[in-house]
Amino acid sequence: MTALPVTGEITRDWAWGGATGAGVDVAVIDSGIDASHRFVGHVESAVALTYDSSLEDQVRKVEGPHGDLFGHGTACAGIIRIAAPDCRLHSIRVLGERLTGKGVVFAAGLEWAIEHGFQVVNMSLSTGKEDYFSVFHELADEAYFKGVMLVCAVNNVAGASYPSEYASVFSVAAHDAKDPFGFDYNPSPPAEFGAPGIDVEIAWSAGSTIVTTGNSFAAPHIAGLIARILSKHPGLTPFQMKTVLHAIADNARGRDGG
C-alpha cells in the first residue's frame, strides 16, 4: 500500500509529477465512447447495457466495440485524456440516443465496473429516484472497500442525486476556472470538489467539438487527475486519495510546489 508522506507537504509534484495515467483502468459509464475521436484515442474494452424485460435481471449486456449514441460519453473520455493521456479507457454504455436510461441498467453498469476491477469510474449521470437509494449505496460502499474510485457529477439542478451524495464517492460540481489541472475542495459537501465545467470546449459526436456547461464535464477532470495520481501511487485507497486531493486543491494552503 502506498503511504502518504509522514512529514512535509503533500504537493502536486509528489502527487502526480511525471505521471501520465499509465497502467490505470478508467471506466466511463455513459452514452458510449467514440474511440475514433482525436481527443479520445484507443478504448480498451466496451460493453453496452440495455433494458430487456424478458430477462430475469432485466438487463441485456453485449460486450464489444460500440459507438457513442449521443456524444456525452466521448466528451467525458476526452476530458479524462487531458490529465491521464496514457490511461486505459473502458466504455460502459447505459444511456441511449436521448441521453436517458433506466435505473436498473445504470446500477448494472456500475456493478459491471466494480466486478471488472476498474480503478476509476466516471459517472457523469445520476438518478433521483428514491427506489435506487439503497441499491447505489450498497454498490458505492462495495466500491469503496475494494479500492475503486467512484467519481460522480452532482445534479445540474437542485434535488436528489444518487450516487453523488454518498460520502464514499468523489462528488464534483462545475466552477468557472479553465486550468484543466486546477480544482477546488468544497468544505461543505455533498459536492466535495469543483472543477472546470463552465463554457468548456469538449469532444462531441462525429469528431466534432462544442463549447458547453455542466457538472457532467467537471467530474471527468477529477477522474483524470485521480488516474494520474494512481499511476504514480497505485496503492492509494479512496480515503487516501481524498486526502491528497484536499491537500493539493487550488484553495488549500500551500498548494503550489509542483
C-alpha atoms as a PDB file:
ATOM      1  CA  MET A   1       0.000   0.000   0.000  1.00  0.00           C
ATOM      2  CA  THR A   2       1.323   3.445  -0.870  1.00  0.00           C
ATOM      3  CA  ALA A   3       1.932   5.575   2.203  1.00  0.00           C
ATOM      4  CA  LEU A   4       1.287   9.293   2.374  1.00  0.00           C
ATOM      5  CA  PRO A   5       4.238  11.472   3.432  1.00  0.00           C
ATOM      6  CA  VAL A   6       4.762  11.310   7.185  1.00  0.00           C
ATOM      7  CA  THR A   7       6.427  14.718   7.274  1.00  0.00           C
ATOM      8  CA  GLY A   8       6.255  17.663   4.925  1.00  0.00           C
ATOM      9  CA  GLU A   9       3.590  18.678   2.481  1.00  0.00           C
ATOM     10  CA  ILE A  10       1.673  16.600   0.003  1.00  0.00           C
ATOM     11  CA  THR A  11       2.463  18.575  -3.141  1.00  0.00           C
ATOM     12  CA  ARG A  12       1.349  18.302  -6.732  1.00  0.00           C
ATOM     13  CA  ASP A  13       4.822  17.168  -7.681  1.00  0.00           C
ATOM     14  CA  TRP A  14       4.614  14.355  -5.141  1.00  0.00           C
ATOM     15  CA  ALA A  15       1.089  13.510  -6.245  1.00  0.00           C
ATOM     16  CA  TRP A  16       1.487  13.357  -9.997  1.00  0.00           C
ATOM     17  CA  GLY A  17       4.842  14.708 -11.106  1.00  0.00           C
ATOM     18  CA  GLY A  18       5.988  12.733 -14.159  1.00  0.00           C
ATOM     19  CA  ALA A  19       2.820  10.601 -14.205  1.00  0.00           C
ATOM     20  CA  THR A  20       0.572  10.053 -17.233  1.00  0.00           C
ATOM     21  CA  GLY A  21      -2.125   7.679 -16.049  1.00  0.00           C
ATOM     22  CA  ALA A  22      -0.259   4.681 -17.450  1.00  0.00           C
ATOM     23  CA  GLY A  23      -1.395   1.352 -16.033  1.00  0.00           C
ATOM     24  CA  VAL A  24      -4.690   2.690 -14.680  1.00  0.00           C
ATOM     25  CA  ASP A  25      -8.065   1.441 -15.913  1.00  0.00           C
ATOM     26  CA  VAL A  26     -10.758   4.121 -16.121  1.00  0.00           C
ATOM     27  CA  ALA A  27     -14.360   3.203 -16.888  1.00  0.00           C
ATOM     28  CA  VAL A  28     -16.802   5.754 -18.297  1.00  0.00           C
ATOM     29  CA  ILE A  29     -20.434   4.879 -17.561  1.00  0.00           C
ATOM     30  CA  ASP A  30     -22.339   6.960 -20.071  1.00  0.00           C
ATOM     31  CA  SER A  31     -23.675   7.021 -23.646  1.00  0.00           C
ATOM     32  CA  GLY A  32     -20.667   5.206 -25.116  1.00  0.00           C
ATOM     33  CA  ILE A  33     -17.294   6.416 -26.373  1.00  0.00           C
ATOM     34  CA  ASP A  34     -16.288   7.221 -29.938  1.00  0.00           C
ATOM     35  CA  ALA A  35     -12.776   5.779 -29.994  1.00  0.00           C
ATOM     36  CA  SER A  36     -12.057   7.435 -33.351  1.00  0.00           C
ATOM     37  CA  HIS A  37     -12.371  10.962 -31.942  1.00  0.00           C
ATOM     38  CA  ARG A  38      -8.994  12.732 -31.923  1.00  0.00           C
ATOM     39  CA  PHE A  39      -9.490  13.727 -28.287  1.00  0.00           C
ATOM     40  CA  VAL A  40     -10.021  10.118 -27.201  1.00  0.00           C
ATOM     41  CA  GLY A  41      -7.878   7.551 -28.973  1.00  0.00           C
ATOM     42  CA  HIS A  42      -7.936   3.874 -28.080  1.00  0.00           C
ATOM     43  CA  VAL A  43     -10.703   2.318 -25.977  1.00  0.00           C
ATOM     44  CA  GLU A  44      -9.535  -0.834 -24.241  1.00  0.00           C
ATOM     45  CA  SER A  45     -12.912  -2.535 -23.811  1.00  0.00           C
ATOM     46  CA  ALA A  46     -16.606  -1.816 -24.117  1.00  0.00           C
ATOM     47  CA  VAL A  47     -19.945  -3.221 -23.035  1.00  0.00           C
ATOM     48  CA  ALA A  48     -23.427  -1.957 -23.922  1.00  0.00           C
ATOM     49  CA  LEU A  49     -26.231  -2.480 -21.419  1.00  0.00           C
ATOM     50  CA  THR A  50     -29.886  -2.088 -22.340  1.00  0.00           C
ATOM     51  CA  TYR A  51     -33.202  -2.747 -20.677  1.00  0.00           C
ATOM     52  CA  ASP A  52     -34.850  -6.068 -21.574  1.00  0.00           C
ATOM     53  CA  SER A  53     -37.934  -7.074 -19.584  1.00  0.00           C
ATOM     54  CA  SER A  54     -37.710 -10.649 -20.855  1.00  0.00           C
ATOM     55  CA  LEU A  55     -34.534 -11.285 -18.857  1.00  0.00           C
ATOM     56  CA  GLU A  56     -34.502 -12.174 -15.183  1.00  0.00           C
ATOM     57  CA  ASP A  57     -32.380  -9.177 -14.205  1.00  0.00           C
ATOM     58  CA  GLN A  58     -33.976  -7.014 -16.959  1.00  0.00           C
ATOM     59  CA  VAL A  59     -30.573  -6.023 -18.350  1.00  0.00           C
ATOM     60  CA  ARG A  60     -29.021  -7.226 -21.607  1.00  0.00           C
ATOM     61  CA  LYS A  61     -25.240  -6.953 -21.820  1.00  0.00           C
ATOM     62  CA  VAL A  62     -23.369  -7.014 -25.129  1.00  0.00           C
ATOM     63  CA  GLU A  63     -19.577  -6.877 -24.984  1.00  0.00           C
ATOM     64  CA  GLY A  64     -17.592  -5.444 -27.862  1.00  0.00           C
ATOM     65  CA  PRO A  65     -16.808  -2.154 -29.599  1.00  0.00           C
ATOM     66  CA  HIS A  66     -19.640   0.342 -29.874  1.00  0.00           C
ATOM     67  CA  GLY A  67     -20.165   3.986 -30.728  1.00  0.00           C
ATOM     68  CA  ASP A  68     -21.487   6.908 -28.748  1.00  0.00           C
ATOM     69  CA  LEU A  69     -25.258   7.325 -29.103  1.00  0.00           C
ATOM     70  CA  PHE A  70     -25.215  10.962 -28.030  1.00  0.00           C
ATOM     71  CA  GLY A  71     -21.727  12.446 -27.661  1.00  0.00           C
ATOM     72  CA  HIS A  72     -21.748  12.807 -23.873  1.00  0.00           C
ATOM     73  CA  GLY A  73     -19.543   9.820 -23.100  1.00  0.00           C
ATOM     74  CA  THR A  74     -16.998  10.862 -25.715  1.00  0.00           C
ATOM     75  CA  ALA A  75     -16.845  14.300 -24.090  1.00  0.00           C
ATOM     76  CA  CYS A  76     -16.056  12.753 -20.707  1.00  0.00           C
ATOM     77  CA  ALA A  77     -13.441  10.418 -22.180  1.00  0.00           C
ATOM     78  CA  GLY A  78     -11.728  13.310 -23.950  1.00  0.00           C
ATOM     79  CA  ILE A  79     -11.508  15.294 -20.718  1.00  0.00           C
ATOM     80  CA  ILE A  80     -10.041  12.314 -18.849  1.00  0.00           C
ATOM     81  CA  ARG A  81      -7.360  12.030 -21.539  1.00  0.00           C
ATOM     82  CA  ILE A  82      -6.121  15.563 -20.750  1.00  0.00           C
ATOM     83  CA  ALA A  83      -4.844  14.595 -17.301  1.00  0.00           C
ATOM     84  CA  ALA A  84      -4.283  10.905 -17.936  1.00  0.00           C
ATOM     85  CA  PRO A  85      -3.302  10.506 -21.616  1.00  0.00           C
ATOM     86  CA  ASP A  86      -1.928   7.008 -21.111  1.00  0.00           C
ATOM     87  CA  CYS A  87      -4.724   5.514 -19.009  1.00  0.00           C
ATOM     88  CA  ARG A  88      -6.726   2.558 -20.302  1.00  0.00           C
ATOM     89  CA  LEU A  89     -10.260   3.721 -21.112  1.00  0.00           C
ATOM     90  CA  HIS A  90     -13.264   1.389 -20.890  1.00  0.00           C
ATOM     91  CA  SER A  91     -16.758   2.246 -22.113  1.00  0.00           C
ATOM     92  CA  ILE A  92     -19.849   1.076 -20.240  1.00  0.00           C
ATOM     93  CA  ARG A  93     -22.850   2.300 -22.226  1.00  0.00           C
ATOM     94  CA  VAL A  94     -26.070   2.637 -20.227  1.00  0.00           C
ATOM     95  CA  LEU A  95     -27.644   5.711 -21.855  1.00  0.00           C
ATOM     96  CA  GLY A  96     -29.473   5.921 -25.176  1.00  0.00           C
ATOM     97  CA  GLU A  97     -29.890   8.363 -28.027  1.00  0.00           C
ATOM     98  CA  ARG A  98     -31.784  10.859 -25.842  1.00  0.00           C
ATOM     99  CA  LEU A  99     -29.213  10.593 -23.037  1.00  0.00           C
ATOM    100  CA  THR A 100     -31.759   8.780 -20.907  1.00  0.00           C
ATOM    101  CA  GLY A 101     -31.839   5.338 -19.363  1.00  0.00           C
ATOM    102  CA  LYS A 102     -33.299   3.172 -16.629  1.00  0.00           C
ATOM    103  CA  GLY A 103     -32.005   2.961 -13.087  1.00  0.00           C
ATOM    104  CA  VAL A 104     -31.699  -0.812 -13.230  1.00  0.00           C
ATOM    105  CA  VAL A 105     -29.400  -0.510 -16.253  1.00  0.00           C
ATOM    106  CA  PHE A 106     -27.323   2.226 -14.616  1.00  0.00           C
ATOM    107  CA  ALA A 107     -26.923   0.096 -11.490  1.00  0.00           C
ATOM    108  CA  ALA A 108     -25.927  -2.933 -13.569  1.00  0.00           C
ATOM    109  CA  GLY A 109     -23.329  -0.828 -15.349  1.00  0.00           C
ATOM    110  CA  LEU A 110     -21.797   0.270 -12.059  1.00  0.00           C
ATOM    111  CA  GLU A 111     -21.841  -3.302 -10.798  1.00  0.00           C
ATOM    112  CA  TRP A 112     -20.061  -4.368 -14.008  1.00  0.00           C
ATOM    113  CA  ALA A 113     -17.340  -1.765 -13.444  1.00  0.00           C
ATOM    114  CA  ILE A 114     -16.758  -2.857  -9.858  1.00  0.00           C
ATOM    115  CA  GLU A 115     -16.697  -6.556 -10.747  1.00  0.00           C
ATOM    116  CA  HIS A 116     -14.155  -5.969 -13.521  1.00  0.00           C
ATOM    117  CA  GLY A 117     -11.757  -4.141 -11.242  1.00  0.00           C
ATOM    118  CA  PHE A 118     -11.551  -0.776 -12.969  1.00  0.00           C
ATOM    119  CA  GLN A 119      -9.676   1.508 -10.584  1.00  0.00           C
ATOM    120  CA  VAL A 120     -11.531   4.705 -11.527  1.00  0.00           C
ATOM    121  CA  VAL A 121     -15.154   5.011 -12.627  1.00  0.00           C
ATOM    122  CA  ASN A 122     -16.535   8.240 -14.049  1.00  0.00           C
ATOM    123  CA  MET A 123     -20.274   8.754 -13.723  1.00  0.00           C
ATOM    124  CA  SER A 124     -21.495  11.998 -15.238  1.00  0.00           C
ATOM    125  CA  LEU A 125     -25.040  10.842 -14.622  1.00  0.00           C
ATOM    126  CA  SER A 126     -27.244  10.179 -11.632  1.00  0.00           C
ATOM    127  CA  THR A 127     -30.691   9.160 -10.528  1.00  0.00           C
ATOM    128  CA  GLY A 128     -33.032  10.973  -8.192  1.00  0.00           C
ATOM    129  CA  LYS A 129     -35.364   8.027  -7.646  1.00  0.00           C
ATOM    130  CA  GLU A 130     -35.604   7.029  -4.002  1.00  0.00           C
ATOM    131  CA  ASP A 131     -36.160   3.407  -5.057  1.00  0.00           C
ATOM    132  CA  TYR A 132     -32.500   3.245  -6.050  1.00  0.00           C
ATOM    133  CA  PHE A 133     -31.040   4.950  -2.983  1.00  0.00           C
ATOM    134  CA  SER A 134     -30.123   1.721  -1.197  1.00  0.00           C
ATOM    135  CA  VAL A 135     -29.068  -0.065  -4.390  1.00  0.00           C
ATOM    136  CA  PHE A 136     -26.480   2.560  -5.264  1.00  0.00           C
ATOM    137  CA  HIS A 137     -25.474   2.985  -1.631  1.00  0.00           C
ATOM    138  CA  GLU A 138     -24.550  -0.693  -1.393  1.00  0.00           C
ATOM    139  CA  LEU A 139     -22.650  -0.536  -4.684  1.00  0.00           C
ATOM    140  CA  ALA A 140     -20.803   2.625  -3.627  1.00  0.00           C
ATOM    141  CA  ASP A 141     -19.780   1.012  -0.337  1.00  0.00           C
ATOM    142  CA  GLU A 142     -18.640  -2.127  -2.160  1.00  0.00           C
ATOM    143  CA  ALA A 143     -16.510   0.001  -4.483  1.00  0.00           C
ATOM    144  CA  TYR A 144     -15.039   1.933  -1.559  1.00  0.00           C
ATOM    145  CA  PHE A 145     -13.994  -1.200   0.287  1.00  0.00           C
ATOM    146  CA  LYS A 146     -12.466  -2.645  -2.896  1.00  0.00           C
ATOM    147  CA  GLY A 147     -10.457   0.500  -3.534  1.00  0.00           C
ATOM    148  CA  VAL A 148     -12.454   1.564  -6.589  1.00  0.00           C
ATOM    149  CA  MET A 149     -12.618   5.347  -7.000  1.00  0.00           C
ATOM    150  CA  LEU A 150     -16.142   6.424  -7.983  1.00  0.00           C
ATOM    151  CA  VAL A 151     -16.261   9.959  -9.403  1.00  0.00           C
ATOM    152  CA  CYS A 152     -19.775  11.376  -9.715  1.00  0.00           C
ATOM    153  CA  ALA A 153     -21.143  14.615 -11.111  1.00  0.00           C
ATOM    154  CA  VAL A 154     -23.786  16.219  -8.922  1.00  0.00           C
ATOM    155  CA  ASN A 155     -27.105  17.113 -10.495  1.00  0.00           C
ATOM    156  CA  ASN A 156     -27.216  20.291 -12.568  1.00  0.00           C
ATOM    157  CA  VAL A 157     -30.436  21.241 -10.784  1.00  0.00           C
ATOM    158  CA  ALA A 158     -31.188  21.134  -7.075  1.00  0.00           C
ATOM    159  CA  GLY A 159     -32.523  17.791  -5.968  1.00  0.00           C
ATOM    160  CA  ALA A 160     -31.585  14.258  -5.048  1.00  0.00           C
ATOM    161  CA  SER A 161     -28.578  12.906  -6.916  1.00  0.00           C
ATOM    162  CA  TYR A 162     -27.505   9.301  -6.382  1.00  0.00           C
ATOM    163  CA  PRO A 163     -24.789   8.139  -6.020  1.00  0.00           C
ATOM    164  CA  SER A 164     -23.123  11.574  -5.930  1.00  0.00           C
ATOM    165  CA  GLU A 165     -24.477  12.359  -2.451  1.00  0.00           C
ATOM    166  CA  TYR A 166     -22.740   9.438  -0.757  1.00  0.00           C
ATOM    167  CA  ALA A 167     -19.643  10.052   1.366  1.00  0.00           C
ATOM    168  CA  SER A 168     -17.853   7.122  -0.283  1.00  0.00           C
ATOM    169  CA  VAL A 169     -17.668   8.784  -3.707  1.00  0.00           C
ATOM    170  CA  PHE A 170     -15.817  11.785  -5.162  1.00  0.00           C
ATOM    171  CA  SER A 171     -18.674  14.195  -5.888  1.00  0.00           C
ATOM    172  CA  VAL A 172     -17.937  17.022  -8.305  1.00  0.00           C
ATOM    173  CA  ALA A 173     -19.597  20.259  -9.430  1.00  0.00           C
ATOM    174  CA  ALA A 174     -18.524  22.766 -12.076  1.00  0.00           C
ATOM    175  CA  HIS A 175     -16.665  26.008 -11.474  1.00  0.00           C
ATOM    176  CA  ASP A 176     -15.603  28.674 -13.938  1.00  0.00           C
ATOM    177  CA  ALA A 177     -11.812  28.233 -13.838  1.00  0.00           C
ATOM    178  CA  LYS A 178     -10.162  26.997 -17.032  1.00  0.00           C
ATOM    179  CA  ASP A 179      -6.979  25.252 -15.863  1.00  0.00           C
ATOM    180  CA  PRO A 180      -7.584  21.518 -16.545  1.00  0.00           C
ATOM    181  CA  PHE A 181      -5.233  20.678 -13.677  1.00  0.00           C
ATOM    182  CA  GLY A 182      -6.897  23.093 -11.287  1.00  0.00           C
ATOM    183  CA  PHE A 183      -9.698  22.260  -8.872  1.00  0.00           C
ATOM    184  CA  ASP A 184     -11.147  23.345  -5.549  1.00  0.00           C
ATOM    185  CA  TYR A 185     -12.109  21.481  -2.418  1.00  0.00           C
ATOM    186  CA  ASN A 186     -15.535  22.285  -1.007  1.00  0.00           C
ATOM    187  CA  PRO A 187     -15.601  22.180   2.818  1.00  0.00           C
ATOM    188  CA  SER A 188     -19.408  21.930   2.753  1.00  0.00           C
ATOM    189  CA  PRO A 189     -20.275  18.707   0.875  1.00  0.00           C
ATOM    190  CA  PRO A 190     -22.007  16.699  -0.540  1.00  0.00           C
ATOM    191  CA  ALA A 191     -20.273  18.229  -3.596  1.00  0.00           C
ATOM    192  CA  GLU A 192     -16.663  17.824  -2.443  1.00  0.00           C
ATOM    193  CA  PHE A 193     -14.773  19.179  -5.441  1.00  0.00           C
ATOM    194  CA  GLY A 194     -15.138  21.911  -8.036  1.00  0.00           C
ATOM    195  CA  ALA A 195     -13.503  21.567 -11.459  1.00  0.00           C
ATOM    196  CA  PRO A 196     -13.733  23.212 -14.897  1.00  0.00           C
ATOM    197  CA  GLY A 197     -17.186  22.785 -16.362  1.00  0.00           C
ATOM    198  CA  ILE A 198     -18.421  26.214 -17.456  1.00  0.00           C
ATOM    199  CA  ASP A 199     -18.030  27.206 -21.103  1.00  0.00           C
ATOM    200  CA  VAL A 200     -15.542  24.411 -21.749  1.00  0.00           C
ATOM    201  CA  GLU A 201     -14.617  23.047 -25.172  1.00  0.00           C
ATOM    202  CA  ILE A 202     -15.247  19.318 -25.275  1.00  0.00           C
ATOM    203  CA  ALA A 203     -15.227  16.431 -27.714  1.00  0.00           C
ATOM    204  CA  TRP A 204     -18.604  15.575 -29.224  1.00  0.00           C
ATOM    205  CA  SER A 205     -20.195  13.316 -31.816  1.00  0.00           C
ATOM    206  CA  ALA A 206     -18.952  12.838 -35.382  1.00  0.00           C
ATOM    207  CA  GLY A 207     -15.469  14.023 -34.494  1.00  0.00           C
ATOM    208  CA  SER A 208     -16.699  17.499 -33.580  1.00  0.00           C
ATOM    209  CA  THR A 209     -16.221  19.739 -30.565  1.00  0.00           C
ATOM    210  CA  ILE A 210     -18.658  22.033 -28.790  1.00  0.00           C
ATOM    211  CA  VAL A 211     -18.477  24.633 -26.040  1.00  0.00           C
ATOM    212  CA  THR A 212     -20.909  23.921 -23.243  1.00  0.00           C
ATOM    213  CA  THR A 213     -21.528  23.962 -19.490  1.00  0.00           C
ATOM    214  CA  GLY A 214     -22.405  21.289 -16.942  1.00  0.00           C
ATOM    215  CA  ASN A 215     -21.307  19.366 -13.885  1.00  0.00           C
ATOM    216  CA  SER A 216     -21.013  16.392 -16.235  1.00  0.00           C
ATOM    217  CA  PHE A 217     -17.814  17.882 -17.620  1.00  0.00           C
ATOM    218  CA  ALA A 218     -16.304  18.742 -14.246  1.00  0.00           C
ATOM    219  CA  ALA A 219     -16.378  15.149 -12.971  1.00  0.00           C
ATOM    220  CA  PRO A 220     -14.035  13.695 -15.632  1.00  0.00           C
ATOM    221  CA  HIS A 221     -11.450  16.367 -14.797  1.00  0.00           C
ATOM    222  CA  ILE A 222     -11.259  14.872 -11.305  1.00  0.00           C
ATOM    223  CA  ALA A 223     -11.395  11.312 -12.669  1.00  0.00           C
ATOM    224  CA  GLY A 224      -8.434  12.074 -14.919  1.00  0.00           C
ATOM    225  CA  LEU A 225      -6.431  13.589 -12.079  1.00  0.00           C
ATOM    226  CA  ILE A 226      -7.172  10.585  -9.867  1.00  0.00           C
ATOM    227  CA  ALA A 227      -5.952   8.278 -12.637  1.00  0.00           C
ATOM    228  CA  ARG A 228      -2.804  10.383 -12.989  1.00  0.00           C
ATOM    229  CA  ILE A 229      -2.125  10.137  -9.247  1.00  0.00           C
ATOM    230  CA  LEU A 230      -2.841   6.395  -9.165  1.00  0.00           C
ATOM    231  CA  SER A 231      -0.349   5.782 -11.945  1.00  0.00           C
ATOM    232  CA  LYS A 232       2.345   7.131  -9.625  1.00  0.00           C
ATOM    233  CA  HIS A 233       0.875   5.819  -6.352  1.00  0.00           C
ATOM    234  CA  PRO A 234      -1.096   2.678  -7.292  1.00  0.00           C
ATOM    235  CA  GLY A 235      -1.786   1.588  -3.718  1.00  0.00           C
ATOM    236  CA  LEU A 236      -3.772   4.618  -2.594  1.00  0.00           C
ATOM    237  CA  THR A 237      -7.203   3.943  -1.113  1.00  0.00           C
ATOM    238  CA  PRO A 238     -10.218   6.197  -1.771  1.00  0.00           C
ATOM    239  CA  PHE A 239      -9.762   7.683   1.713  1.00  0.00           C
ATOM    240  CA  GLN A 240      -6.105   8.478   0.998  1.00  0.00           C
ATOM    241  CA  MET A 241      -6.950   9.867  -2.446  1.00  0.00           C
ATOM    242  CA  LYS A 242      -9.397  12.327  -0.911  1.00  0.00           C
ATOM    243  CA  THR A 243      -6.643  13.413   1.478  1.00  0.00           C
ATOM    244  CA  VAL A 244      -4.268  14.002  -1.432  1.00  0.00           C
ATOM    245  CA  LEU A 245      -6.839  15.975  -3.437  1.00  0.00           C
ATOM    246  CA  HIS A 246      -7.710  18.077  -0.405  1.00  0.00           C
ATOM    247  CA  ALA A 247      -4.028  18.884   0.146  1.00  0.00           C
ATOM    248  CA  ILE A 248      -3.317  19.981  -3.438  1.00  0.00           C
ATOM    249  CA  ALA A 249      -6.585  21.771  -4.232  1.00  0.00           C
ATOM    250  CA  ASP A 250      -6.292  25.343  -5.510  1.00  0.00           C
ATOM    251  CA  ASN A 251      -7.936  26.741  -2.392  1.00  0.00           C
ATOM    252  CA  ALA A 252      -5.785  24.724   0.035  1.00  0.00           C
ATOM    253  CA  ARG A 253      -2.886  26.360   1.849  1.00  0.00           C
ATOM    254  CA  GLY A 254       0.491  25.568   0.346  1.00  0.00           C
ATOM    255  CA  ARG A 255      -0.939  24.101  -2.835  1.00  0.00           C
ATOM    256  CA  ASP A 256       1.980  25.141  -5.024  1.00  0.00           C
ATOM    257  CA  GLY A 257       5.090  23.036  -5.097  1.00  0.00           C
ATOM    258  CA  GLY A 258       4.549  21.391  -8.436  1.00  0.00           C
END
